[in-house]
Structures are given as structure tokens and as C-alpha cells.
């Protein structure tokens, strides 16, 4: 029996240019407004038998606002960015340009002292692979980085693909399959 997992990217807590590594700020006003606009399309996913979320404030708030009543999953936490936590990419690039270059070039590197990209993708894949088989579906609200990592893992793409996946707040992807054998499932839009 295959598993169907719909991942919903959490609403934003700041503008995308002001995004900070491993940020746990709650939804901002714009994020709440976006949830209200997207609710009609996203609320039906709450009928899933199992409902999860990343343990961040904005993932929990997004799931609650959509009526999912999700259970926080520590394995769905964002990538541990070590000493870069709370900084923007431009902040870090100005302070440690060589470290940023190394981090972007090598998925095994962790110049920030946190979790390497490859370990992050593997952790998220491990969560996917341990979802229980159920006749219905699973929904999880997660940070944008978590959704990107899940997609890279599910497709068996090289870790460098992570940098080419653009996930926007409140976007969704559905993955279907079995442990280690996932496929991207595109649903038909409204007619």
C-alpha cells in the first residue's frame, strides 16, 4: 500500500528578502492575510488521516489557521544553521564569503557548525520513509526548506538540485509511494 503525503509550505513571517536562517518568528500580518486567501484551496487537505507540522511557530500557526490541528514533528525542523541562525544570507555572505561559497558548493560541508545540506535532506527523507501506510492521506505544514529537501529526496535528485527548487509560502506538493520509492504527484487544478 502506498502513502500519499501532501506538504504545505508555511506562510511567511517576513518578506522573502528578509528571511533569516533557522528563523522561528510567528506569522506576520501579510502571512495571516495570505493564509486567509489560500484557505479555500488548502482547507480540504485537512481531511487527511494524519496531520503534522514542523515545530516552528509559523508552521504551527499556518496549520492551525487552516484547521488542520497538526501534531508537531521534531524531524520536520528546519536545517540547523549553527552560528548562522538568525542571520540573512546577505549578512553571512558579507561576514564569511568563503564559508558561504563552500556551503553552496559542497552538500557535505557545514562551515556554520550546524547540519550539512546532505544530512538535512537525508533527515527529511527518513521522515518520509517512516510514514505509516494508510488508506487515506497525510498532510504536513513545513518550512520552505523542508519542502525543498523532501522534493529533492523523493525524486532522488542530486543534493545540488536543492538550490534550484523554488518553494513559495503556502505552495503544496504531493508525494506518493513507499519508503525509498517516491514520485511527485501533480493534481489537476480547478476547472
Foldseek 3Di string as FASTA:
>chain_A
DKAKEKEWEFFDQDPPQQDAAQDQHARDPVSLVVLVVCLVVPLVVLVFPAEAEAPGRRRCVSCVSSVNNHHHDPLQGGFWLAQRGPPGPVVCCVVPVVLVVCLLPDQCDRPNPTHRLVVNLVSLLVVVQPDDDDPGHYYYHGHQLSVLSPVCQQVVHPSNCSVVDDDHHRDMWMWMGHRSHIDTDDDDDDD
